[in-house]
């Protein structure tokens, strides 16, 4: 039996693709998946099965469509495959920095004081 990480695209706790997560867990267990776990309301599921990746994807899609009415894209990967993909992405792509993370070390020179800067002697009307 393999552990699969199953990602559901566009699942929402309310609205168009409403899939109540507790009911989803129960429906997937009833459909034959074992040790079904979910991560908050994110649409991420971890489950165990002896089925192939493509069969898991079809099973989960069909359960959601039949039980909840959503036509949701499903991506399933074994835990080792998912971990390898994550490592590959992390190693190949540069880290993007947000506005709170400087891209270079801060300038350690003290700012010029008001008395040391030249004064503007022009007058304005």
PDB file of N, CA and C in Angstrom:
ATOM      1  N   UNK A   1       0.841  -1.176   0.000  1.00  0.00           N
ATOM      2  CA  UNK A   1       0.000   0.000   0.000  1.00  0.00           C
ATOM      3  C   UNK A   1       0.890   1.245   0.000  1.00  0.00           C
ATOM      4  N   UNK A   2       0.533   2.230  -0.836  1.00  0.00           N
ATOM      5  CA  UNK A   2       1.309   3.458  -0.964  1.00  0.00           C
ATOM      6  C   UNK A   2       0.566   4.620  -0.329  1.00  0.00           C
ATOM      7  N   UNK A   3       1.344   5.590   0.131  1.00  0.00           N
ATOM      8  CA  UNK A   3       0.762   6.833   0.635  1.00  0.00           C
ATOM      9  C   UNK A   3       0.739   7.836  -0.503  1.00  0.00           C
ATOM     10  N   UNK A   4      -0.413   8.439  -0.736  1.00  0.00           N
ATOM     11  CA  UNK A   4      -0.585   9.429  -1.791  1.00  0.00           C
ATOM     12  C   UNK A   4      -0.898  10.797  -1.201  1.00  0.00           C
ATOM     13  N   UNK A   5      -0.350  11.807  -1.828  1.00  0.00           N
ATOM     14  CA  UNK A   5      -0.721  13.189  -1.551  1.00  0.00           C
ATOM     15  C   UNK A   5      -1.630  13.586  -2.699  1.00  0.00           C
ATOM     16  N   UNK A   6      -2.833  14.008  -2.362  1.00  0.00           N
ATOM     17  CA  UNK A   6      -3.865  14.298  -3.355  1.00  0.00           C
ATOM     18  C   UNK A   6      -4.230  15.773  -3.247  1.00  0.00           C
ATOM     19  N   UNK A   7      -4.020  16.498  -4.338  1.00  0.00           N
ATOM     20  CA  UNK A   7      -4.319  17.924  -4.367  1.00  0.00           C
ATOM     21  C   UNK A   7      -5.584  18.147  -5.182  1.00  0.00           C
ATOM     22  N   UNK A   8      -6.495  18.906  -4.638  1.00  0.00           N
ATOM     23  CA  UNK A   8      -7.766  19.196  -5.287  1.00  0.00           C
ATOM     24  C   UNK A   8      -7.778  20.659  -5.684  1.00  0.00           C
ATOM     25  N   UNK A   9      -7.966  20.927  -6.945  1.00  0.00           N
ATOM     26  CA  UNK A   9      -7.917  22.299  -7.455  1.00  0.00           C
ATOM     27  C   UNK A   9      -9.267  22.995  -7.285  1.00  0.00           C
ATOM     28  N   UNK A  10      -9.262  24.143  -6.646  1.00  0.00           N
ATOM     29  CA  UNK A  10     -10.453  24.975  -6.557  1.00  0.00           C
ATOM     30  C   UNK A  10     -11.473  24.558  -5.521  1.00  0.00           C
ATOM     31  N   UNK A  11     -11.087  23.736  -4.552  1.00  0.00           N
ATOM     32  CA  UNK A  11     -12.022  23.341  -3.502  1.00  0.00           C
ATOM     33  C   UNK A  11     -12.211  24.516  -2.547  1.00  0.00           C
ATOM     34  N   UNK A  12     -13.464  24.772  -2.209  1.00  0.00           N
ATOM     35  CA  UNK A  12     -13.798  25.865  -1.293  1.00  0.00           C
ATOM     36  C   UNK A  12     -14.696  25.337  -0.181  1.00  0.00           C
ATOM     37  N   UNK A  13     -14.549  25.872   1.030  1.00  0.00           N
ATOM     38  CA  UNK A  13     -15.455  25.450   2.099  1.00  0.00           C
ATOM     39  C   UNK A  13     -16.880  25.978   1.887  1.00  0.00           C
ATOM     40  N   UNK A  14     -17.012  27.053   1.089  1.00  0.00           N
ATOM     41  CA  UNK A  14     -18.330  27.601   0.754  1.00  0.00           C
ATOM     42  C   UNK A  14     -18.307  27.995  -0.722  1.00  0.00           C
ATOM     43  N   UNK A  15     -19.470  28.257  -1.296  1.00  0.00           N
ATOM     44  CA  UNK A  15     -19.524  28.757  -2.667  1.00  0.00           C
ATOM     45  C   UNK A  15     -19.630  27.676  -3.720  1.00  0.00           C
ATOM     46  N   UNK A  16     -19.100  27.983  -4.909  1.00  0.00           N
ATOM     47  CA  UNK A  16     -19.279  27.154  -6.106  1.00  0.00           C
ATOM     48  C   UNK A  16     -18.789  25.719  -5.937  1.00  0.00           C
ATOM     49  N   UNK A  17     -17.555  25.532  -5.539  1.00  0.00           N
ATOM     50  CA  UNK A  17     -16.993  24.187  -5.389  1.00  0.00           C
ATOM     51  C   UNK A  17     -16.961  23.775  -3.918  1.00  0.00           C
ATOM     52  N   UNK A  18     -18.080  23.918  -3.267  1.00  0.00           N
ATOM     53  CA  UNK A  18     -18.167  23.612  -1.842  1.00  0.00           C
ATOM     54  C   UNK A  18     -18.002  22.111  -1.610  1.00  0.00           C
ATOM     55  N   UNK A  19     -16.984  21.779  -0.846  1.00  0.00           N
ATOM     56  CA  UNK A  19     -16.739  20.393  -0.468  1.00  0.00           C
ATOM     57  C   UNK A  19     -16.446  20.383   1.026  1.00  0.00           C
ATOM     58  N   UNK A  20     -17.417  20.021   1.849  1.00  0.00           N
ATOM     59  CA  UNK A  20     -17.161  19.947   3.293  1.00  0.00           C
ATOM     60  C   UNK A  20     -16.096  18.881   3.575  1.00  0.00           C
ATOM     61  N   UNK A  21     -15.024  19.302   4.192  1.00  0.00           N
ATOM     62  CA  UNK A  21     -13.846  18.440   4.329  1.00  0.00           C
ATOM     63  C   UNK A  21     -14.126  17.189   5.157  1.00  0.00           C
ATOM     64  N   UNK A  22     -14.886  17.297   6.239  1.00  0.00           N
ATOM     65  CA  UNK A  22     -15.198  16.105   7.047  1.00  0.00           C
ATOM     66  C   UNK A  22     -15.999  15.091   6.224  1.00  0.00           C
ATOM     67  N   UNK A  23     -16.941  15.589   5.426  1.00  0.00           N
ATOM     68  CA  UNK A  23     -17.729  14.685   4.573  1.00  0.00           C
ATOM     69  C   UNK A  23     -16.860  14.095   3.457  1.00  0.00           C
ATOM     70  N   UNK A  24     -15.905  14.879   2.959  1.00  0.00           N
ATOM     71  CA  UNK A  24     -14.988  14.369   1.937  1.00  0.00           C
ATOM     72  C   UNK A  24     -14.165  13.206   2.485  1.00  0.00           C
ATOM     73  N   UNK A  25     -13.622  13.372   3.693  1.00  0.00           N
ATOM     74  CA  UNK A  25     -12.850  12.281   4.317  1.00  0.00           C
ATOM     75  C   UNK A  25     -13.686  11.010   4.396  1.00  0.00           C
ATOM     76  N   UNK A  26     -14.908  11.148   4.883  1.00  0.00           N
ATOM     77  CA  UNK A  26     -15.787   9.982   5.023  1.00  0.00           C
ATOM     78  C   UNK A  26     -16.107   9.354   3.666  1.00  0.00           C
ATOM     79  N   UNK A  27     -16.365  10.182   2.659  1.00  0.00           N
ATOM     80  CA  UNK A  27     -16.687   9.668   1.321  1.00  0.00           C
ATOM     81  C   UNK A  27     -15.498   8.932   0.708  1.00  0.00           C
ATOM     82  N   UNK A  28     -14.287   9.456   0.909  1.00  0.00           N
ATOM     83  CA  UNK A  28     -13.094   8.796   0.359  1.00  0.00           C
ATOM     84  C   UNK A  28     -12.802   7.486   1.079  1.00  0.00           C
ATOM     85  N   UNK A  29     -13.035   7.450   2.381  1.00  0.00           N
ATOM     86  CA  UNK A  29     -12.859   6.195   3.114  1.00  0.00           C
ATOM     87  C   UNK A  29     -13.879   5.152   2.655  1.00  0.00           C
ATOM     88  N   UNK A  30     -15.115   5.598   2.453  1.00  0.00           N
ATOM     89  CA  UNK A  30     -16.163   4.690   1.971  1.00  0.00           C
ATOM     90  C   UNK A  30     -15.823   4.159   0.578  1.00  0.00           C
ATOM     91  N   UNK A  31     -15.128   4.975  -0.232  1.00  0.00           N
ATOM     92  CA  UNK A  31     -14.746   4.571  -1.588  1.00  0.00           C
ATOM     93  C   UNK A  31     -13.545   3.628  -1.592  1.00  0.00           C
ATOM     94  N   UNK A  32     -12.930   3.409  -0.423  1.00  0.00           N
ATOM     95  CA  UNK A  32     -11.860   2.422  -0.348  1.00  0.00           C
ATOM     96  C   UNK A  32     -10.486   2.951   0.020  1.00  0.00           C
ATOM     97  N   UNK A  33     -10.315   4.261   0.131  1.00  0.00           N
ATOM     98  CA  UNK A  33      -9.014   4.777   0.548  1.00  0.00           C
ATOM     99  C   UNK A  33      -8.853   4.556   2.046  1.00  0.00           C
ATOM    100  N   UNK A  34      -7.634   4.366   2.474  1.00  0.00           N
ATOM    101  CA  UNK A  34      -7.339   4.081   3.884  1.00  0.00           C
ATOM    102  C   UNK A  34      -6.606   5.256   4.520  1.00  0.00           C
ATOM    103  N   UNK A  35      -6.790   5.388   5.831  1.00  0.00           N
ATOM    104  CA  UNK A  35      -6.066   6.390   6.621  1.00  0.00           C
ATOM    105  C   UNK A  35      -6.144   7.777   5.973  1.00  0.00           C
ATOM    106  N   UNK A  36      -7.346   8.199   5.613  1.00  0.00           N
ATOM    107  CA  UNK A  36      -7.566   9.478   4.917  1.00  0.00           C
ATOM    108  C   UNK A  36      -7.401  10.626   5.917  1.00  0.00           C
ATOM    109  N   UNK A  37      -6.546  11.566   5.553  1.00  0.00           N
ATOM    110  CA  UNK A  37      -6.313  12.758   6.370  1.00  0.00           C
ATOM    111  C   UNK A  37      -6.419  13.978   5.466  1.00  0.00           C
ATOM    112  N   UNK A  38      -6.889  15.079   6.014  1.00  0.00           N
ATOM    113  CA  UNK A  38      -6.986  16.318   5.247  1.00  0.00           C
ATOM    114  C   UNK A  38      -6.229  17.414   5.978  1.00  0.00           C
ATOM    115  N   UNK A  39      -5.865  18.433   5.227  1.00  0.00           N
ATOM    116  CA  UNK A  39      -5.180  19.579   5.802  1.00  0.00           C
ATOM    117  C   UNK A  39      -6.124  20.769   5.753  1.00  0.00           C
ATOM    118  N   UNK A  40      -6.607  21.179   6.874  1.00  0.00           N
ATOM    119  CA  UNK A  40      -7.597  22.246   7.065  1.00  0.00           C
ATOM    120  C   UNK A  40      -8.614  22.264   5.924  1.00  0.00           C
ATOM    121  N   UNK A  41      -8.957  23.415   5.403  1.00  0.00           N
ATOM    122  CA  UNK A  41      -9.947  23.516   4.328  1.00  0.00           C
ATOM    123  C   UNK A  41      -9.267  23.719   2.980  1.00  0.00           C
ATOM    124  N   UNK A  42      -8.039  23.233   2.844  1.00  0.00           N
ATOM    125  CA  UNK A  42      -7.223  23.549   1.675  1.00  0.00           C
ATOM    126  C   UNK A  42      -7.486  22.681   0.454  1.00  0.00           C
ATOM    127  N   UNK A  43      -8.119  21.551   0.639  1.00  0.00           N
ATOM    128  CA  UNK A  43      -8.285  20.638  -0.484  1.00  0.00           C
ATOM    129  C   UNK A  43      -7.093  19.709  -0.640  1.00  0.00           C
ATOM    130  N   UNK A  44      -6.255  19.624   0.369  1.00  0.00           N
ATOM    131  CA  UNK A  44      -5.124  18.698   0.350  1.00  0.00           C
ATOM    132  C   UNK A  44      -5.494  17.467   1.170  1.00  0.00           C
ATOM    133  N   UNK A  45      -5.281  16.303   0.559  1.00  0.00           N
ATOM    134  CA  UNK A  45      -5.649  15.041   1.197  1.00  0.00           C
ATOM    135  C   UNK A  45      -4.435  14.124   1.175  1.00  0.00           C
ATOM    136  N   UNK A  46      -4.250  13.380   2.242  1.00  0.00           N
ATOM    137  CA  UNK A  46      -3.248  12.321   2.287  1.00  0.00           C
ATOM    138  C   UNK A  46      -4.004  11.034   2.575  1.00  0.00           C
ATOM    139  N   UNK A  47      -3.749  10.005   1.769  1.00  0.00           N
ATOM    140  CA  UNK A  47      -4.451   8.741   1.948  1.00  0.00           C
ATOM    141  C   UNK A  47      -3.561   7.597   1.486  1.00  0.00           C
ATOM    142  N   UNK A  48      -3.922   6.402   1.897  1.00  0.00           N
ATOM    143  CA  UNK A  48      -3.186   5.207   1.493  1.00  0.00           C
ATOM    144  C   UNK A  48      -4.067   4.347   0.601  1.00  0.00           C
ATOM    145  N   UNK A  49      -3.419   3.730  -0.403  1.00  0.00           N
ATOM    146  CA  UNK A  49      -4.149   2.862  -1.315  1.00  0.00           C
ATOM    147  C   UNK A  49      -3.164   1.995  -2.098  1.00  0.00           C
ATOM    148  N   UNK A  50      -3.660   0.886  -2.595  1.00  0.00           N
ATOM    149  CA  UNK A  50      -2.850   0.043  -3.481  1.00  0.00           C
ATOM    150  C   UNK A  50      -3.153   0.354  -4.948  1.00  0.00           C
ATOM    151  N   UNK A  51      -4.069   1.302  -5.212  1.00  0.00           N
ATOM    152  CA  UNK A  51      -4.403   1.695  -6.584  1.00  0.00           C
ATOM    153  C   UNK A  51      -3.257   2.486  -7.209  1.00  0.00           C
ATOM    154  N   UNK A  52      -3.270   2.575  -8.529  1.00  0.00           N
ATOM    155  CA  UNK A  52      -2.269   3.381  -9.242  1.00  0.00           C
ATOM    156  C   UNK A  52      -2.617   4.860  -9.117  1.00  0.00           C
ATOM    157  N   UNK A  53      -1.673   5.685  -9.475  1.00  0.00           N
ATOM    158  CA  UNK A  53      -1.860   7.135  -9.415  1.00  0.00           C
ATOM    159  C   UNK A  53      -3.072   7.576 -10.234  1.00  0.00           C
ATOM    160  N   UNK A  54      -3.171   7.104 -11.472  1.00  0.00           N
ATOM    161  CA  UNK A  54      -4.283   7.516 -12.329  1.00  0.00           C
ATOM    162  C   UNK A  54      -5.628   7.017 -11.790  1.00  0.00           C
ATOM    163  N   UNK A  55      -5.637   5.839 -11.201  1.00  0.00           N
ATOM    164  CA  UNK A  55      -6.880   5.307 -10.629  1.00  0.00           C
ATOM    165  C   UNK A  55      -7.306   6.106  -9.400  1.00  0.00           C
ATOM    166  N   UNK A  56      -6.337   6.541  -8.603  1.00  0.00           N
ATOM    167  CA  UNK A  56      -6.641   7.389  -7.433  1.00  0.00           C
ATOM    168  C   UNK A  56      -7.261   8.704  -7.906  1.00  0.00           C
ATOM    169  N   UNK A  57      -6.630   9.329  -8.919  1.00  0.00           N
ATOM    170  CA  UNK A  57      -7.142  10.601  -9.432  1.00  0.00           C
ATOM    171  C   UNK A  57      -8.582  10.463  -9.929  1.00  0.00           C
ATOM    172  N   UNK A  58      -8.857   9.403 -10.687  1.00  0.00           N
ATOM    173  CA  UNK A  58     -10.208   9.180 -11.209  1.00  0.00           C
ATOM    174  C   UNK A  58     -11.185   8.895 -10.075  1.00  0.00           C
ATOM    175  N   UNK A  59     -10.778   8.073  -9.127  1.00  0.00           N
ATOM    176  CA  UNK A  59     -11.646   7.730  -8.007  1.00  0.00           C
ATOM    177  C   UNK A  59     -12.042   8.982  -7.217  1.00  0.00           C
ATOM    178  N   UNK A  60     -11.060   9.795  -6.858  1.00  0.00           N
ATOM    179  CA  UNK A  60     -11.334  10.995  -6.068  1.00  0.00           C
ATOM    180  C   UNK A  60     -12.212  11.964  -6.859  1.00  0.00           C
ATOM    181  N   UNK A  61     -11.897  12.151  -8.145  1.00  0.00           N
ATOM    182  CA  UNK A  61     -12.711  13.029  -8.993  1.00  0.00           C
ATOM    183  C   UNK A  61     -14.154  12.554  -9.027  1.00  0.00           C
ATOM    184  N   UNK A  62     -14.351  11.258  -9.264  1.00  0.00           N
ATOM    185  CA  UNK A  62     -15.703  10.702  -9.376  1.00  0.00           C
ATOM    186  C   UNK A  62     -16.471  10.789  -8.054  1.00  0.00           C
ATOM    187  N   UNK A  63     -15.784  10.555  -6.934  1.00  0.00           N
ATOM    188  CA  UNK A  63     -16.445  10.654  -5.623  1.00  0.00           C
ATOM    189  C   UNK A  63     -16.919  12.081  -5.391  1.00  0.00           C
ATOM    190  N   UNK A  64     -16.071  13.051  -5.681  1.00  0.00           N
ATOM    191  CA  UNK A  64     -16.445  14.456  -5.471  1.00  0.00           C
ATOM    192  C   UNK A  64     -17.594  14.849  -6.395  1.00  0.00           C
ATOM    193  N   UNK A  65     -17.515  14.435  -7.648  1.00  0.00           N
ATOM    194  CA  UNK A  65     -18.568  14.790  -8.607  1.00  0.00           C
ATOM    195  C   UNK A  65     -19.907  14.184  -8.197  1.00  0.00           C
ATOM    196  N   UNK A  66     -19.886  12.922  -7.804  1.00  0.00           N
ATOM    197  CA  UNK A  66     -21.130  12.239  -7.439  1.00  0.00           C
ATOM    198  C   UNK A  66     -21.683  12.744  -6.106  1.00  0.00           C
ATOM    199  N   UNK A  67     -20.815  12.896  -5.133  1.00  0.00           N
ATOM    200  CA  UNK A  67     -21.261  13.229  -3.767  1.00  0.00           C
ATOM    201  C   UNK A  67     -21.540  14.716  -3.566  1.00  0.00           C
ATOM    202  N   UNK A  68     -20.694  15.582  -4.204  1.00  0.00           N
ATOM    203  CA  UNK A  68     -20.789  17.019  -3.943  1.00  0.00           C
ATOM    204  C   UNK A  68     -21.115  17.853  -5.186  1.00  0.00           C
ATOM    205  N   UNK A  69     -21.085  17.229  -6.363  1.00  0.00           N
ATOM    206  CA  UNK A  69     -21.454  17.928  -7.582  1.00  0.00           C
ATOM    207  C   UNK A  69     -20.352  18.750  -8.227  1.00  0.00           C
ATOM    208  N   UNK A  70     -19.161  18.747  -7.661  1.00  0.00           N
ATOM    209  CA  UNK A  70     -18.076  19.549  -8.222  1.00  0.00           C
ATOM    210  C   UNK A  70     -17.276  18.792  -9.274  1.00  0.00           C
ATOM    211  N   UNK A  71     -16.915  19.490 -10.334  1.00  0.00           N
ATOM    212  CA  UNK A  71     -16.046  18.919 -11.375  1.00  0.00           C
ATOM    213  C   UNK A  71     -14.648  19.494 -11.130  1.00  0.00           C
ATOM    214  N   UNK A  72     -13.928  18.875 -10.230  1.00  0.00           N
ATOM    215  CA  UNK A  72     -12.674  19.414  -9.709  1.00  0.00           C
ATOM    216  C   UNK A  72     -11.481  18.632 -10.247  1.00  0.00           C
ATOM    217  N   UNK A  73     -10.456  19.356 -10.647  1.00  0.00           N
ATOM    218  CA  UNK A  73      -9.216  18.709 -11.096  1.00  0.00           C
ATOM    219  C   UNK A  73      -8.509  18.086  -9.896  1.00  0.00           C
ATOM    220  N   UNK A  74      -7.999  16.865 -10.085  1.00  0.00           N
ATOM    221  CA  UNK A  74      -7.352  16.125  -9.007  1.00  0.00           C
ATOM    222  C   UNK A  74      -5.950  15.730  -9.449  1.00  0.00           C
ATOM    223  N   UNK A  75      -4.992  15.953  -8.589  1.00  0.00           N
ATOM    224  CA  UNK A  75      -3.604  15.560  -8.849  1.00  0.00           C
ATOM    225  C   UNK A  75      -3.156  14.691  -7.684  1.00  0.00           C
ATOM    226  N   UNK A  76      -2.732  13.462  -7.973  1.00  0.00           N
ATOM    227  CA  UNK A  76      -2.272  12.544  -6.928  1.00  0.00           C
ATOM    228  C   UNK A  76      -0.829  12.145  -7.215  1.00  0.00           C
ATOM    229  N   UNK A  77      -0.012  12.158  -6.190  1.00  0.00           N
ATOM    230  CA  UNK A  77       1.384  11.724  -6.301  1.00  0.00           C
ATOM    231  C   UNK A  77       1.740  10.914  -5.058  1.00  0.00           C
ATOM    232  N   UNK A  78       2.597   9.938  -5.234  1.00  0.00           N
ATOM    233  CA  UNK A  78       3.080   9.212  -4.065  1.00  0.00           C
ATOM    234  C   UNK A  78       3.917  10.173  -3.226  1.00  0.00           C
ATOM    235  N   UNK A  79       4.028   9.891  -1.961  1.00  0.00           N
ATOM    236  CA  UNK A  79       4.789  10.770  -1.071  1.00  0.00           C
ATOM    237  C   UNK A  79       6.241  10.937  -1.543  1.00  0.00           C
ATOM    238  N   UNK A  80       6.963   9.856  -1.930  1.00  0.00           N
ATOM    239  CA  UNK A  80       8.335  10.052  -2.415  1.00  0.00           C
ATOM    240  C   UNK A  80       8.410  10.883  -3.695  1.00  0.00           C
ATOM    241  N   UNK A  81       7.450  10.684  -4.606  1.00  0.00           N
ATOM    242  CA  UNK A  81       7.428  11.454  -5.849  1.00  0.00           C
ATOM    243  C   UNK A  81       7.178  12.934  -5.556  1.00  0.00           C
ATOM    244  N   UNK A  82       6.248  13.205  -4.652  1.00  0.00           N
ATOM    245  CA  UNK A  82       5.936  14.577  -4.278  1.00  0.00           C
ATOM    246  C   UNK A  82       7.156  15.242  -3.628  1.00  0.00           C
ATOM    247  N   UNK A  83       7.829  14.532  -2.744  1.00  0.00           N
ATOM    248  CA  UNK A  83       9.021  15.076  -2.078  1.00  0.00           C
ATOM    249  C   UNK A  83      10.134  15.345  -3.090  1.00  0.00           C
ATOM    250  N   UNK A  84      10.331  14.441  -4.034  1.00  0.00           N
ATOM    251  CA  UNK A  84      11.372  14.628  -5.050  1.00  0.00           C
ATOM    252  C   UNK A  84      11.058  15.839  -5.925  1.00  0.00           C
ATOM    253  N   UNK A  85       9.801  16.002  -6.307  1.00  0.00           N
ATOM    254  CA  UNK A  85       9.404  17.160  -7.112  1.00  0.00           C
ATOM    255  C   UNK A  85       9.632  18.449  -6.351  1.00  0.00           C
ATOM    256  N   UNK A  86       9.277  18.453  -5.082  1.00  0.00           N
ATOM    257  CA  UNK A  86       9.472  19.648  -4.257  1.00  0.00           C
ATOM    258  C   UNK A  86      10.940  20.009  -4.150  1.00  0.00           C
ATOM    259  N   UNK A  87      11.792  19.005  -3.945  1.00  0.00           N
ATOM    260  CA  UNK A  87      13.239  19.259  -3.860  1.00  0.00           C
ATOM    261  C   UNK A  87      13.769  19.803  -5.179  1.00  0.00           C
ATOM    262  N   UNK A  88      13.336  19.223  -6.296  1.00  0.00           N
ATOM    263  CA  UNK A  88      13.804  19.661  -7.611  1.00  0.00           C
ATOM    264  C   UNK A  88      13.405  21.104  -7.880  1.00  0.00           C
ATOM    265  N   UNK A  89      12.195  21.452  -7.542  1.00  0.00           N
ATOM    266  CA  UNK A  89      11.732  22.826  -7.748  1.00  0.00           C
ATOM    267  C   UNK A  89      12.524  23.773  -6.868  1.00  0.00           C
ATOM    268  N   UNK A  90      12.720  23.396  -5.639  1.00  0.00           N
ATOM    269  CA  UNK A  90      13.452  24.247  -4.695  1.00  0.00           C
ATOM    270  C   UNK A  90      14.883  24.471  -5.150  1.00  0.00           C
ATOM    271  N   UNK A  91      15.509  23.466  -5.724  1.00  0.00           N
ATOM    272  CA  UNK A  91      16.903  23.576  -6.140  1.00  0.00           C
ATOM    273  C   UNK A  91      17.068  24.322  -7.457  1.00  0.00           C
ATOM    274  N   UNK A  92      16.086  24.254  -8.350  1.00  0.00           N
ATOM    275  CA  UNK A  92      16.223  24.842  -9.680  1.00  0.00           C
ATOM    276  C   UNK A  92      15.769  26.293  -9.766  1.00  0.00           C
ATOM    277  N   UNK A  93      14.824  26.699  -8.953  1.00  0.00           N
ATOM    278  CA  UNK A  93      14.274  28.040  -9.073  1.00  0.00           C
ATOM    279  C   UNK A  93      14.911  28.965  -8.044  1.00  0.00           C
ATOM    280  N   UNK A  94      15.225  30.187  -8.452  1.00  0.00           N
ATOM    281  CA  UNK A  94      15.744  31.137  -7.469  1.00  0.00           C
ATOM    282  C   UNK A  94      14.654  31.514  -6.472  1.00  0.00           C
ATOM    283  N   UNK A  95      15.080  31.845  -5.296  1.00  0.00           N
ATOM    284  CA  UNK A  95      14.131  32.243  -4.268  1.00  0.00           C
ATOM    285  C   UNK A  95      13.673  33.660  -4.555  1.00  0.00           C
ATOM    286  N   UNK A  96      12.383  33.864  -4.587  1.00  0.00           N
ATOM    287  CA  UNK A  96      11.843  35.214  -4.781  1.00  0.00           C
ATOM    288  C   UNK A  96      11.783  35.879  -3.411  1.00  0.00           C
ATOM    289  N   UNK A  97      12.198  37.096  -3.379  1.00  0.00           N
ATOM    290  CA  UNK A  97      12.151  37.828  -2.121  1.00  0.00           C
ATOM    291  C   UNK A  97      10.995  38.808  -2.152  1.00  0.00           C
ATOM    292  N   UNK A  98      10.333  38.924  -1.036  1.00  0.00           N
ATOM    293  CA  UNK A  98       9.249  39.890  -0.981  1.00  0.00           C
ATOM    294  C   UNK A  98       9.772  41.229  -0.479  1.00  0.00           C
ATOM    295  N   UNK A  99       8.901  42.189  -0.353  1.00  0.00           N
ATOM    296  CA  UNK A  99       9.341  43.542  -0.023  1.00  0.00           C
ATOM    297  C   UNK A  99       9.946  43.651   1.372  1.00  0.00           C
ATOM    298  N   UNK A 100       9.706  42.685   2.236  1.00  0.00           N
ATOM    299  CA  UNK A 100      10.280  42.757   3.574  1.00  0.00           C
ATOM    300  C   UNK A 100      11.623  42.048   3.678  1.00  0.00           C
ATOM    301  N   UNK A 101      12.043  41.383   2.630  1.00  0.00           N
ATOM    302  CA  UNK A 101      13.330  40.694   2.628  1.00  0.00           C
ATOM    303  C   UNK A 101      14.288  41.421   1.704  1.00  0.00           C
ATOM    304  N   UNK A 102      15.315  42.061   2.252  1.00  0.00           N
ATOM    305  CA  UNK A 102      16.239  42.779   1.372  1.00  0.00           C
ATOM    306  C   UNK A 102      17.022  41.817   0.494  1.00  0.00           C
ATOM    307  N   UNK A 103      17.292  42.241  -0.727  1.00  0.00           N
ATOM    308  CA  UNK A 103      18.042  41.388  -1.639  1.00  0.00           C
ATOM    309  C   UNK A 103      19.542  41.567  -1.453  1.00  0.00           C
ATOM    310  N   UNK A 104      19.971  42.580  -0.743  1.00  0.00           N
ATOM    311  CA  UNK A 104      21.382  42.788  -0.445  1.00  0.00           C
ATOM    312  C   UNK A 104      21.499  43.222   1.007  1.00  0.00           C
ATOM    313  N   UNK A 105      22.694  43.060   1.588  1.00  0.00           N
ATOM    314  CA  UNK A 105      22.850  43.438   2.989  1.00  0.00           C
ATOM    315  C   UNK A 105      22.621  44.941   3.161  1.00  0.00           C
ATOM    316  N   UNK A 106      22.166  45.357   4.315  1.00  0.00           N
ATOM    317  CA  UNK A 106      21.919  46.778   4.524  1.00  0.00           C
ATOM    318  C   UNK A 106      23.205  47.587   4.477  1.00  0.00           C
ATOM    319  N   UNK A 107      23.091  48.831   4.066  1.00  0.00           N
ATOM    320  CA  UNK A 107      24.228  49.746   4.019  1.00  0.00           C
ATOM    321  C   UNK A 107      24.558  50.141   5.449  1.00  0.00           C
ATOM    322  N   UNK A 108      25.784  49.877   5.874  1.00  0.00           N
ATOM    323  CA  UNK A 108      26.171  50.143   7.254  1.00  0.00           C
ATOM    324  C   UNK A 108      26.728  51.558   7.454  1.00  0.00           C
ATOM    325  N   UNK A 109      26.864  52.350   6.385  1.00  0.00           N
ATOM    326  CA  UNK A 109      27.350  53.721   6.536  1.00  0.00           C
ATOM    327  C   UNK A 109      26.295  54.545   7.243  1.00  0.00           C
ATOM    328  N   UNK A 110      26.710  55.388   8.182  1.00  0.00           N
ATOM    329  CA  UNK A 110      25.711  56.235   8.830  1.00  0.00           C
ATOM    330  C   UNK A 110      25.174  57.271   7.847  1.00  0.00           C
ATOM    331  N   UNK A 111      23.935  57.608   8.012  1.00  0.00           N
ATOM    332  CA  UNK A 111      23.315  58.635   7.162  1.00  0.00           C
ATOM    333  C   UNK A 111      23.941  59.983   7.491  1.00  0.00           C
ATOM    334  N   UNK A 112      24.101  60.851   6.490  1.00  0.00           N
ATOM    335  CA  UNK A 112      24.684  62.164   6.784  1.00  0.00           C
ATOM    336  C   UNK A 112      23.755  62.940   7.709  1.00  0.00           C
ATOM    337  N   UNK A 113      24.376  63.648   8.639  1.00  0.00           N
ATOM    338  CA  UNK A 113      23.562  64.431   9.567  1.00  0.00           C
ATOM    339  C   UNK A 113      23.117  65.710   8.890  1.00  0.00           C
ATOM    340  N   UNK A 114      22.121  66.344   9.429  1.00  0.00           N
ATOM    341  CA  UNK A 114      21.584  67.570   8.843  1.00  0.00           C
ATOM    342  C   UNK A 114      22.630  68.675   8.822  1.00  0.00           C
ATOM    343  N   UNK A 115      23.502  68.708   9.837  1.00  0.00           N
ATOM    344  CA  UNK A 115      24.497  69.779   9.896  1.00  0.00           C
ATOM    345  C   UNK A 115      25.623  69.575   8.899  1.00  0.00           C
ATOM    346  N   UNK A 116      25.863  68.351   8.455  1.00  0.00           N
ATOM    347  CA  UNK A 116      26.960  68.103   7.526  1.00  0.00           C
ATOM    348  C   UNK A 116      26.536  68.200   6.072  1.00  0.00           C
ATOM    349  N   UNK A 117      25.239  68.259   5.802  1.00  0.00           N
ATOM    350  CA  UNK A 117      24.796  68.333   4.410  1.00  0.00           C
ATOM    351  C   UNK A 117      24.740  69.785   3.964  1.00  0.00           C
ATOM    352  N   UNK A 118      25.024  70.035   2.679  1.00  0.00           N
ATOM    353  CA  UNK A 118      24.981  71.417   2.206  1.00  0.00           C
ATOM    354  C   UNK A 118      23.566  71.963   2.319  1.00  0.00           C
ATOM    355  N   UNK A 119      23.484  73.240   2.637  1.00  0.00           N
ATOM    356  CA  UNK A 119      22.179  73.875   2.803  1.00  0.00           C
ATOM    357  C   UNK A 119      21.739  74.484   1.491  1.00  0.00           C
ATOM    358  N   UNK A 120      20.459  74.439   1.280  1.00  0.00           N
ATOM    359  CA  UNK A 120      19.879  75.083   0.112  1.00  0.00           C
ATOM    360  C   UNK A 120      19.553  76.520   0.510  1.00  0.00           C
ATOM    361  N   UNK A 121      20.260  77.449  -0.063  1.00  0.00           N
ATOM    362  CA  UNK A 121      20.089  78.852   0.323  1.00  0.00           C
ATOM    363  C   UNK A 121      19.092  79.589  -0.564  1.00  0.00           C
ATOM    364  N   UNK A 122      18.520  78.912  -1.550  1.00  0.00           N
ATOM    365  CA  UNK A 122      17.530  79.559  -2.409  1.00  0.00           C
ATOM    366  C   UNK A 122      16.268  79.817  -1.636  1.00  0.00           C
ATOM    367  N   UNK A 123      15.639  80.894  -1.963  1.00  0.00           N
ATOM    368  CA  UNK A 123      14.378  81.195  -1.311  1.00  0.00           C
ATOM    369  C   UNK A 123      13.224  80.891  -2.255  1.00  0.00           C
ATOM    370  N   UNK A 124      12.148  80.470  -1.690  1.00  0.00           N
ATOM    371  CA  UNK A 124      10.953  80.236  -2.485  1.00  0.00           C
ATOM    372  C   UNK A 124       9.913  81.280  -2.163  1.00  0.00           C
ATOM    373  N   UNK A 125       9.111  81.637  -3.128  1.00  0.00           N
ATOM    374  CA  UNK A 125       8.067  82.650  -2.909  1.00  0.00           C
ATOM    375  C   UNK A 125       6.816  82.031  -2.421  1.00  0.00           C
TER     376      UNK A 125
END
